[in-house]
Structures are given as structure tokens and as C-alpha cells.
Amino acid sequence: MPSPPASDFAVALGERLRAARQARTPKWSLERLGRRARVHWTYIGQIERGEVHPSVLVVARLADALQIDLGELMAGLPAPPPGKDPDE
């Protein structure tokens, strides 16, 4: 079964995280960010590609490791995709 298309929210968040990581001097690798944030580097790659919707805890760890404000990171992102109706 093919994966559902990436949401605008996930893509925008991933682009922001990648830009923040690459803005570090010297530029941080996924592995370095993963060690600092205590998040596996392959999962960070999935986030940056917009393939997953990470928990707020993971995003907060990444923001903290990158020394960026979580609120600023999230401000102005597209609306997240709707969840499933628990009554269905």
C-alpha cells in the first residue's frame, strides 16, 4: 500500500528544521543533531523530508538542541492534517 502524500504541515516543519540545522556553523549533520537531541538521526531525516508527524516532545528536543525557540519554529505553519474521528 503506498504511503499517503505528505501534509503541507509536515513539509513546512521539515524544511524549517533542515534550514535551522544547516545554518549551524559548522553545518550540523543529522547524526550530530540526533546525538544532541536524543532523537535517532534517521527519524530526523524523515521529519525533514515531511514523511512523519513528530510528537511535540520530539520537536521540542530538536528545537532545544538547535537553540531555537519552539514557538518561533512552529509559528505560521500550515494547519496540521485532521486526525481520525475516534467515533468512526
PDB file of N, CA and C in Angstrom:
ATOM      1  N   MET A   1       0.853  -1.176   0.000  1.00  0.00           N
ATOM      2  CA  MET A   1       0.000   0.000   0.000  1.00  0.00           C
ATOM      3  C   MET A   1       0.901   1.242   0.000  1.00  0.00           C
ATOM      4  N   PRO A   2       0.686   2.184  -0.908  1.00  0.00           N
ATOM      5  CA  PRO A   2       1.546   3.378  -0.964  1.00  0.00           C
ATOM      6  C   PRO A   2       1.313   4.286   0.232  1.00  0.00           C
ATOM      7  N   SER A   3       2.343   5.043   0.578  1.00  0.00           N
ATOM      8  CA  SER A   3       2.241   5.996   1.684  1.00  0.00           C
ATOM      9  C   SER A   3       1.340   7.146   1.288  1.00  0.00           C
ATOM     10  N   PRO A   4       0.605   7.709   2.264  1.00  0.00           N
ATOM     11  CA  PRO A   4      -0.200   8.877   1.944  1.00  0.00           C
ATOM     12  C   PRO A   4       0.724  10.052   1.625  1.00  0.00           C
ATOM     13  N   PRO A   5       0.252  11.002   0.819  1.00  0.00           N
ATOM     14  CA  PRO A   5       1.104  12.145   0.492  1.00  0.00           C
ATOM     15  C   PRO A   5       1.429  12.952   1.747  1.00  0.00           C
ATOM     16  N   ALA A   6       2.575  13.581   1.729  1.00  0.00           N
ATOM     17  CA  ALA A   6       2.995  14.404   2.867  1.00  0.00           C
ATOM     18  C   ALA A   6       2.045  15.583   3.021  1.00  0.00           C
ATOM     19  N   SER A   7       1.778  15.954   4.262  1.00  0.00           N
ATOM     20  CA  SER A   7       0.927  17.108   4.514  1.00  0.00           C
ATOM     21  C   SER A   7       1.753  18.384   4.370  1.00  0.00           C
ATOM     22  N   ASP A   8       1.081  19.479   4.063  1.00  0.00           N
ATOM     23  CA  ASP A   8       1.759  20.775   3.973  1.00  0.00           C
ATOM     24  C   ASP A   8       2.427  21.107   5.302  1.00  0.00           C
ATOM     25  N   PHE A   9       1.782  20.745   6.404  1.00  0.00           N
ATOM     26  CA  PHE A   9       2.331  20.977   7.731  1.00  0.00           C
ATOM     27  C   PHE A   9       3.668  20.256   7.901  1.00  0.00           C
ATOM     28  N   ALA A  10       3.700  18.963   7.593  1.00  0.00           N
ATOM     29  CA  ALA A  10       4.906  18.163   7.777  1.00  0.00           C
ATOM     30  C   ALA A  10       6.039  18.656   6.884  1.00  0.00           C
ATOM     31  N   VAL A  11       5.729  19.012   5.660  1.00  0.00           N
ATOM     32  CA  VAL A  11       6.749  19.502   4.731  1.00  0.00           C
ATOM     33  C   VAL A  11       7.335  20.817   5.223  1.00  0.00           C
ATOM     34  N   ALA A  12       6.473  21.742   5.651  1.00  0.00           N
ATOM     35  CA  ALA A  12       6.949  23.051   6.130  1.00  0.00           C
ATOM     36  C   ALA A  12       7.785  22.910   7.392  1.00  0.00           C
ATOM     37  N   LEU A  13       7.353  22.069   8.325  1.00  0.00           N
ATOM     38  CA  LEU A  13       8.125  21.840   9.543  1.00  0.00           C
ATOM     39  C   LEU A  13       9.485  21.242   9.200  1.00  0.00           C
ATOM     40  N   GLY A  14       9.501  20.268   8.321  1.00  0.00           N
ATOM     41  CA  GLY A  14      10.755  19.648   7.917  1.00  0.00           C
ATOM     42  C   GLY A  14      11.710  20.633   7.267  1.00  0.00           C
ATOM     43  N   GLU A  15      11.183  21.494   6.427  1.00  0.00           N
ATOM     44  CA  GLU A  15      12.025  22.499   5.771  1.00  0.00           C
ATOM     45  C   GLU A  15      12.628  23.454   6.797  1.00  0.00           C
ATOM     46  N   ARG A  16      11.848  23.848   7.787  1.00  0.00           N
ATOM     47  CA  ARG A  16      12.361  24.748   8.834  1.00  0.00           C
ATOM     48  C   ARG A  16      13.450  24.081   9.667  1.00  0.00           C
ATOM     49  N   LEU A  17      13.213  22.833  10.027  1.00  0.00           N
ATOM     50  CA  LEU A  17      14.222  22.125  10.815  1.00  0.00           C
ATOM     51  C   LEU A  17      15.519  21.950  10.026  1.00  0.00           C
ATOM     52  N   ARG A  18      15.397  21.566   8.754  1.00  0.00           N
ATOM     53  CA  ARG A  18      16.598  21.394   7.932  1.00  0.00           C
ATOM     54  C   ARG A  18      17.351  22.713   7.808  1.00  0.00           C
ATOM     55  N   ALA A  19      16.636  23.799   7.572  1.00  0.00           N
ATOM     56  CA  ALA A  19      17.292  25.105   7.450  1.00  0.00           C
ATOM     57  C   ALA A  19      18.005  25.491   8.741  1.00  0.00           C
ATOM     58  N   ALA A  20      17.376  25.237   9.878  1.00  0.00           N
ATOM     59  CA  ALA A  20      17.998  25.562  11.166  1.00  0.00           C
ATOM     60  C   ALA A  20      19.236  24.698  11.402  1.00  0.00           C
ATOM     61  N   ARG A  21      19.155  23.427  11.042  1.00  0.00           N
ATOM     62  CA  ARG A  21      20.309  22.532  11.219  1.00  0.00           C
ATOM     63  C   ARG A  21      21.457  22.959  10.318  1.00  0.00           C
ATOM     64  N   GLN A  22      21.149  23.273   9.080  1.00  0.00           N
ATOM     65  CA  GLN A  22      22.194  23.632   8.134  1.00  0.00           C
ATOM     66  C   GLN A  22      22.751  25.039   8.380  1.00  0.00           C
ATOM     67  N   ALA A  23      22.028  25.858   9.143  1.00  0.00           N
ATOM     68  CA  ALA A  23      22.503  27.206   9.461  1.00  0.00           C
ATOM     69  C   ALA A  23      23.555  27.199  10.563  1.00  0.00           C
ATOM     70  N   ARG A  24      23.695  26.070  11.260  1.00  0.00           N
ATOM     71  CA  ARG A  24      24.705  25.974  12.322  1.00  0.00           C
ATOM     72  C   ARG A  24      26.094  26.097  11.697  1.00  0.00           C
ATOM     73  N   THR A  25      27.016  26.695  12.440  1.00  0.00           N
ATOM     74  CA  THR A  25      28.389  26.840  11.951  1.00  0.00           C
ATOM     75  C   THR A  25      29.315  26.087  12.891  1.00  0.00           C
ATOM     76  N   PRO A  26      30.010  25.055  12.416  1.00  0.00           N
ATOM     77  CA  PRO A  26      29.868  24.476  11.085  1.00  0.00           C
ATOM     78  C   PRO A  26      28.535  23.740  10.962  1.00  0.00           C
ATOM     79  N   LYS A  27      28.123  23.506   9.723  1.00  0.00           N
ATOM     80  CA  LYS A  27      26.835  22.866   9.456  1.00  0.00           C
ATOM     81  C   LYS A  27      26.750  21.518  10.175  1.00  0.00           C
ATOM     82  N   TRP A  28      25.657  21.291  10.890  1.00  0.00           N
ATOM     83  CA  TRP A  28      25.467  20.048  11.632  1.00  0.00           C
ATOM     84  C   TRP A  28      24.949  18.944  10.710  1.00  0.00           C
ATOM     85  N   SER A  29      25.428  17.749  10.950  1.00  0.00           N
ATOM     86  CA  SER A  29      24.897  16.567  10.278  1.00  0.00           C
ATOM     87  C   SER A  29      23.642  16.108  11.016  1.00  0.00           C
ATOM     88  N   LEU A  30      22.900  15.231  10.363  1.00  0.00           N
ATOM     89  CA  LEU A  30      21.750  14.622  11.033  1.00  0.00           C
ATOM     90  C   LEU A  30      22.208  13.864  12.276  1.00  0.00           C
ATOM     91  N   GLU A  31      23.350  13.198  12.174  1.00  0.00           N
ATOM     92  CA  GLU A  31      23.868  12.421  13.292  1.00  0.00           C
ATOM     93  C   GLU A  31      24.190  13.314  14.489  1.00  0.00           C
ATOM     94  N   ARG A  32      24.810  14.456  14.230  1.00  0.00           N
ATOM     95  CA  ARG A  32      25.157  15.357  15.328  1.00  0.00           C
ATOM     96  C   ARG A  32      23.908  15.886  16.018  1.00  0.00           C
ATOM     97  N   LEU A  33      22.924  16.316  15.227  1.00  0.00           N
ATOM     98  CA  LEU A  33      21.675  16.796  15.818  1.00  0.00           C
ATOM     99  C   LEU A  33      21.014  15.671  16.605  1.00  0.00           C
ATOM    100  N   GLY A  34      21.021  14.472  16.063  1.00  0.00           N
ATOM    101  CA  GLY A  34      20.414  13.335  16.749  1.00  0.00           C
ATOM    102  C   GLY A  34      21.049  13.068  18.108  1.00  0.00           C
ATOM    103  N   ARG A  35      22.375  13.128  18.165  1.00  0.00           N
ATOM    104  CA  ARG A  35      23.060  12.919  19.450  1.00  0.00           C
ATOM    105  C   ARG A  35      22.675  14.001  20.447  1.00  0.00           C
ATOM    106  N   ARG A  36      22.643  15.238  19.999  1.00  0.00           N
ATOM    107  CA  ARG A  36      22.344  16.354  20.910  1.00  0.00           C
ATOM    108  C   ARG A  36      20.887  16.354  21.361  1.00  0.00           C
ATOM    109  N   ALA A  37      19.990  15.950  20.475  1.00  0.00           N
ATOM    110  CA  ALA A  37      18.557  15.977  20.801  1.00  0.00           C
ATOM    111  C   ALA A  37      18.058  14.651  21.380  1.00  0.00           C
ATOM    112  N   ARG A  38      18.894  13.616  21.337  1.00  0.00           N
ATOM    113  CA  ARG A  38      18.483  12.280  21.777  1.00  0.00           C
ATOM    114  C   ARG A  38      17.313  11.762  20.946  1.00  0.00           C
ATOM    115  N   VAL A  39      17.442  11.975  19.628  1.00  0.00           N
ATOM    116  CA  VAL A  39      16.458  11.501  18.650  1.00  0.00           C
ATOM    117  C   VAL A  39      17.263  10.805  17.549  1.00  0.00           C
ATOM    118  N   HIS A  40      16.844   9.634  17.107  1.00  0.00           N
ATOM    119  CA  HIS A  40      17.615   8.914  16.101  1.00  0.00           C
ATOM    120  C   HIS A  40      17.708   9.734  14.818  1.00  0.00           C
ATOM    121  N   TRP A  41      18.897   9.773  14.240  1.00  0.00           N
ATOM    122  CA  TRP A  41      19.152  10.613  13.077  1.00  0.00           C
ATOM    123  C   TRP A  41      18.296  10.219  11.875  1.00  0.00           C
ATOM    124  N   THR A  42      17.953   8.940  11.734  1.00  0.00           N
ATOM    125  CA  THR A  42      17.111   8.551  10.601  1.00  0.00           C
ATOM    126  C   THR A  42      15.695   9.103  10.754  1.00  0.00           C
ATOM    127  N   TYR A  43      15.229   9.195  11.993  1.00  0.00           N
ATOM    128  CA  TYR A  43      13.904   9.781  12.239  1.00  0.00           C
ATOM    129  C   TYR A  43      13.931  11.279  11.931  1.00  0.00           C
ATOM    130  N   ILE A  44      15.036  11.950  12.275  1.00  0.00           N
ATOM    131  CA  ILE A  44      15.157  13.371  11.942  1.00  0.00           C
ATOM    132  C   ILE A  44      15.113  13.552  10.421  1.00  0.00           C
ATOM    133  N   GLY A  45      15.757  12.648   9.696  1.00  0.00           N
ATOM    134  CA  GLY A  45      15.695  12.701   8.230  1.00  0.00           C
ATOM    135  C   GLY A  45      14.273  12.564   7.718  1.00  0.00           C
ATOM    136  N   GLN A  46      13.503  11.677   8.328  1.00  0.00           N
ATOM    137  CA  GLN A  46      12.097  11.520   7.936  1.00  0.00           C
ATOM    138  C   GLN A  46      11.307  12.795   8.227  1.00  0.00           C
ATOM    139  N   ILE A  47      11.596  13.433   9.356  1.00  0.00           N
ATOM    140  CA  ILE A  47      10.924  14.684   9.699  1.00  0.00           C
ATOM    141  C   ILE A  47      11.275  15.743   8.663  1.00  0.00           C
ATOM    142  N   GLU A  48      12.560  15.871   8.352  1.00  0.00           N
ATOM    143  CA  GLU A  48      12.997  16.889   7.403  1.00  0.00           C
ATOM    144  C   GLU A  48      12.402  16.680   6.013  1.00  0.00           C
ATOM    145  N   ARG A  49      12.125  15.440   5.650  1.00  0.00           N
ATOM    146  CA  ARG A  49      11.514  15.158   4.342  1.00  0.00           C
ATOM    147  C   ARG A  49       9.993  15.246   4.379  1.00  0.00           C
ATOM    148  N   GLY A  50       9.415  15.545   5.543  1.00  0.00           N
ATOM    149  CA  GLY A  50       7.965  15.673   5.661  1.00  0.00           C
ATOM    150  C   GLY A  50       7.234  14.354   5.635  1.00  0.00           C
ATOM    151  N   GLU A  51       7.928  13.275   5.976  1.00  0.00           N
ATOM    152  CA  GLU A  51       7.335  11.941   5.900  1.00  0.00           C
ATOM    153  C   GLU A  51       6.582  11.537   7.155  1.00  0.00           C
ATOM    154  N   VAL A  52       6.822  12.215   8.269  1.00  0.00           N
ATOM    155  CA  VAL A  52       6.192  11.847   9.536  1.00  0.00           C
ATOM    156  C   VAL A  52       5.700  13.097  10.248  1.00  0.00           C
ATOM    157  N   HIS A  53       4.817  12.890  11.217  1.00  0.00           N
ATOM    158  CA  HIS A  53       4.332  13.961  12.087  1.00  0.00           C
ATOM    159  C   HIS A  53       4.871  13.679  13.489  1.00  0.00           C
ATOM    160  N   PRO A  54       5.990  14.312  13.847  1.00  0.00           N
ATOM    161  CA  PRO A  54       6.604  14.016  15.140  1.00  0.00           C
ATOM    162  C   PRO A  54       5.783  14.553  16.302  1.00  0.00           C
ATOM    163  N   SER A  55       5.998  13.968  17.477  1.00  0.00           N
ATOM    164  CA  SER A  55       5.332  14.455  18.679  1.00  0.00           C
ATOM    165  C   SER A  55       5.920  15.812  19.066  1.00  0.00           C
ATOM    166  N   VAL A  56       5.184  16.535  19.884  1.00  0.00           N
ATOM    167  CA  VAL A  56       5.676  17.828  20.354  1.00  0.00           C
ATOM    168  C   VAL A  56       6.933  17.637  21.197  1.00  0.00           C
ATOM    169  N   LEU A  57       7.059  16.519  21.896  1.00  0.00           N
ATOM    170  CA  LEU A  57       8.261  16.246  22.681  1.00  0.00           C
ATOM    171  C   LEU A  57       9.491  16.162  21.776  1.00  0.00           C
ATOM    172  N   VAL A  58       9.377  15.461  20.666  1.00  0.00           N
ATOM    173  CA  VAL A  58      10.494  15.333  19.732  1.00  0.00           C
ATOM    174  C   VAL A  58      10.842  16.687  19.134  1.00  0.00           C
ATOM    175  N   VAL A  59       9.836  17.446  18.720  1.00  0.00           N
ATOM    176  CA  VAL A  59      10.097  18.767  18.139  1.00  0.00           C
ATOM    177  C   VAL A  59      10.738  19.684  19.180  1.00  0.00           C
ATOM    178  N   ALA A  60      10.283  19.597  20.434  1.00  0.00           N
ATOM    179  CA  ALA A  60      10.877  20.410  21.498  1.00  0.00           C
ATOM    180  C   ALA A  60      12.337  20.022  21.728  1.00  0.00           C
ATOM    181  N   ARG A  61      12.654  18.737  21.681  1.00  0.00           N
ATOM    182  CA  ARG A  61      14.050  18.302  21.833  1.00  0.00           C
ATOM    183  C   ARG A  61      14.920  18.837  20.706  1.00  0.00           C
ATOM    184  N   LEU A  62      14.398  18.790  19.500  1.00  0.00           N
ATOM    185  CA  LEU A  62      15.155  19.287  18.348  1.00  0.00           C
ATOM    186  C   LEU A  62      15.374  20.795  18.449  1.00  0.00           C
ATOM    187  N   ALA A  63      14.328  21.527  18.803  1.00  0.00           N
ATOM    188  CA  ALA A  63      14.453  22.977  18.948  1.00  0.00           C
ATOM    189  C   ALA A  63      15.466  23.325  20.027  1.00  0.00           C
ATOM    190  N   ASP A  64      15.409  22.617  21.146  1.00  0.00           N
ATOM    191  CA  ASP A  64      16.339  22.875  22.239  1.00  0.00           C
ATOM    192  C   ASP A  64      17.774  22.602  21.806  1.00  0.00           C
ATOM    193  N   ALA A  65      18.000  21.491  21.123  1.00  0.00           N
ATOM    194  CA  ALA A  65      19.347  21.156  20.661  1.00  0.00           C
ATOM    195  C   ALA A  65      19.873  22.201  19.682  1.00  0.00           C
ATOM    196  N   LEU A  66      18.986  22.731  18.848  1.00  0.00           N
ATOM    197  CA  LEU A  66      19.376  23.741  17.867  1.00  0.00           C
ATOM    198  C   LEU A  66      19.406  25.152  18.460  1.00  0.00           C
ATOM    199  N   GLN A  67      18.982  25.266  19.713  1.00  0.00           N
ATOM    200  CA  GLN A  67      18.917  26.551  20.417  1.00  0.00           C
ATOM    201  C   GLN A  67      18.027  27.558  19.673  1.00  0.00           C
ATOM    202  N   ILE A  68      16.854  27.060  19.269  1.00  0.00           N
ATOM    203  CA  ILE A  68      15.849  27.924  18.654  1.00  0.00           C
ATOM    204  C   ILE A  68      14.571  27.830  19.481  1.00  0.00           C
ATOM    205  N   ASP A  69      13.793  28.874  19.461  1.00  0.00           N
ATOM    206  CA  ASP A  69      12.561  28.932  20.230  1.00  0.00           C
ATOM    207  C   ASP A  69      11.502  28.039  19.582  1.00  0.00           C
ATOM    208  N   LEU A  70      10.910  27.173  20.389  1.00  0.00           N
ATOM    209  CA  LEU A  70       9.894  26.254  19.878  1.00  0.00           C
ATOM    210  C   LEU A  70       8.721  27.010  19.271  1.00  0.00           C
ATOM    211  N   GLY A  71       8.290  28.090  19.926  1.00  0.00           N
ATOM    212  CA  GLY A  71       7.175  28.880  19.404  1.00  0.00           C
ATOM    213  C   GLY A  71       7.482  29.484  18.052  1.00  0.00           C
ATOM    214  N   GLU A  72       8.699  29.999  17.898  1.00  0.00           N
ATOM    215  CA  GLU A  72       9.087  30.572  16.609  1.00  0.00           C
ATOM    216  C   GLU A  72       9.170  29.502  15.530  1.00  0.00           C
ATOM    217  N   LEU A  73       9.652  28.324  15.913  1.00  0.00           N
ATOM    218  CA  LEU A  73       9.747  27.219  14.961  1.00  0.00           C
ATOM    219  C   LEU A  73       8.360  26.846  14.421  1.00  0.00           C
ATOM    220  N   MET A  74       7.371  26.863  15.298  1.00  0.00           N
ATOM    221  CA  MET A  74       6.030  26.414  14.920  1.00  0.00           C
ATOM    222  C   MET A  74       5.141  27.527  14.354  1.00  0.00           C
ATOM    223  N   ALA A  75       5.502  28.784  14.594  1.00  0.00           N
ATOM    224  CA  ALA A  75       4.654  29.915  14.200  1.00  0.00           C
ATOM    225  C   ALA A  75       4.440  29.955  12.691  1.00  0.00           C
ATOM    226  N   GLY A  76       3.195  30.118  12.312  1.00  0.00           N
ATOM    227  CA  GLY A  76       2.850  30.312  10.910  1.00  0.00           C
ATOM    228  C   GLY A  76       2.871  29.070  10.050  1.00  0.00           C
ATOM    229  N   LEU A  77       3.041  27.902  10.644  1.00  0.00           N
ATOM    230  CA  LEU A  77       2.996  26.670   9.851  1.00  0.00           C
ATOM    231  C   LEU A  77       1.568  26.439   9.352  1.00  0.00           C
ATOM    232  N   PRO A  78       1.413  25.744   8.237  1.00  0.00           N
ATOM    233  CA  PRO A  78       0.056  25.393   7.791  1.00  0.00           C
ATOM    234  C   PRO A  78      -0.645  24.569   8.865  1.00  0.00           C
ATOM    235  N   ALA A  79      -1.941  24.516   8.789  1.00  0.00           N
ATOM    236  CA  ALA A  79      -2.718  23.716   9.750  1.00  0.00           C
ATOM    237  C   ALA A  79      -2.312  22.255   9.633  1.00  0.00           C
ATOM    238  N   PRO A  80      -2.251  21.567  10.778  1.00  0.00           N
ATOM    239  CA  PRO A  80      -1.919  20.131  10.702  1.00  0.00           C
ATOM    240  C   PRO A  80      -3.074  19.374  10.049  1.00  0.00           C
ATOM    241  N   PRO A  81      -2.777  18.201   9.501  1.00  0.00           N
ATOM    242  CA  PRO A  81      -3.852  17.415   8.876  1.00  0.00           C
ATOM    243  C   PRO A  81      -4.841  16.965   9.936  1.00  0.00           C
ATOM    244  N   PRO A  82      -6.096  16.757   9.540  1.00  0.00           N
ATOM    245  CA  PRO A  82      -7.091  16.308  10.516  1.00  0.00           C
ATOM    246  C   PRO A  82      -6.776  14.899  10.994  1.00  0.00           C
ATOM    247  N   GLY A  83      -7.116  14.655  12.241  1.00  0.00           N
ATOM    248  CA  GLY A  83      -6.958  13.308  12.787  1.00  0.00           C
ATOM    249  C   GLY A  83      -8.161  12.451  12.443  1.00  0.00           C
ATOM    250  N   LYS A  84      -8.088  11.186  12.829  1.00  0.00           N
ATOM    251  CA  LYS A  84      -9.219  10.294  12.614  1.00  0.00           C
ATOM    252  C   LYS A  84     -10.271  10.551  13.671  1.00  0.00           C
ATOM    253  N   ASP A  85     -11.512  10.448  13.295  1.00  0.00           N
ATOM    254  CA  ASP A  85     -12.622  10.579  14.220  1.00  0.00           C
ATOM    255  C   ASP A  85     -12.659   9.328  15.094  1.00  0.00           C
ATOM    256  N   PRO A  86     -12.516   9.475  16.415  1.00  0.00           N
ATOM    257  CA  PRO A  86     -12.483   8.295  17.280  1.00  0.00           C
ATOM    258  C   PRO A  86     -13.811   7.542  17.310  1.00  0.00           C
ATOM    259  N   ASP A  87     -14.884   8.168  16.848  1.00  0.00           N
ATOM    260  CA  ASP A  87     -16.190   7.509  16.854  1.00  0.00           C
ATOM    261  C   ASP A  87     -16.444   6.709  15.580  1.00  0.00           C
ATOM    262  N   GLU A  88     -15.524   6.778  14.641  1.00  0.00           N
ATOM    263  CA  GLU A  88     -15.735   6.025  13.391  1.00  0.00           C
ATOM    264  C   GLU A  88     -15.090   4.687  13.425  1.00  0.00           C
TER     265      GLU A  88
END
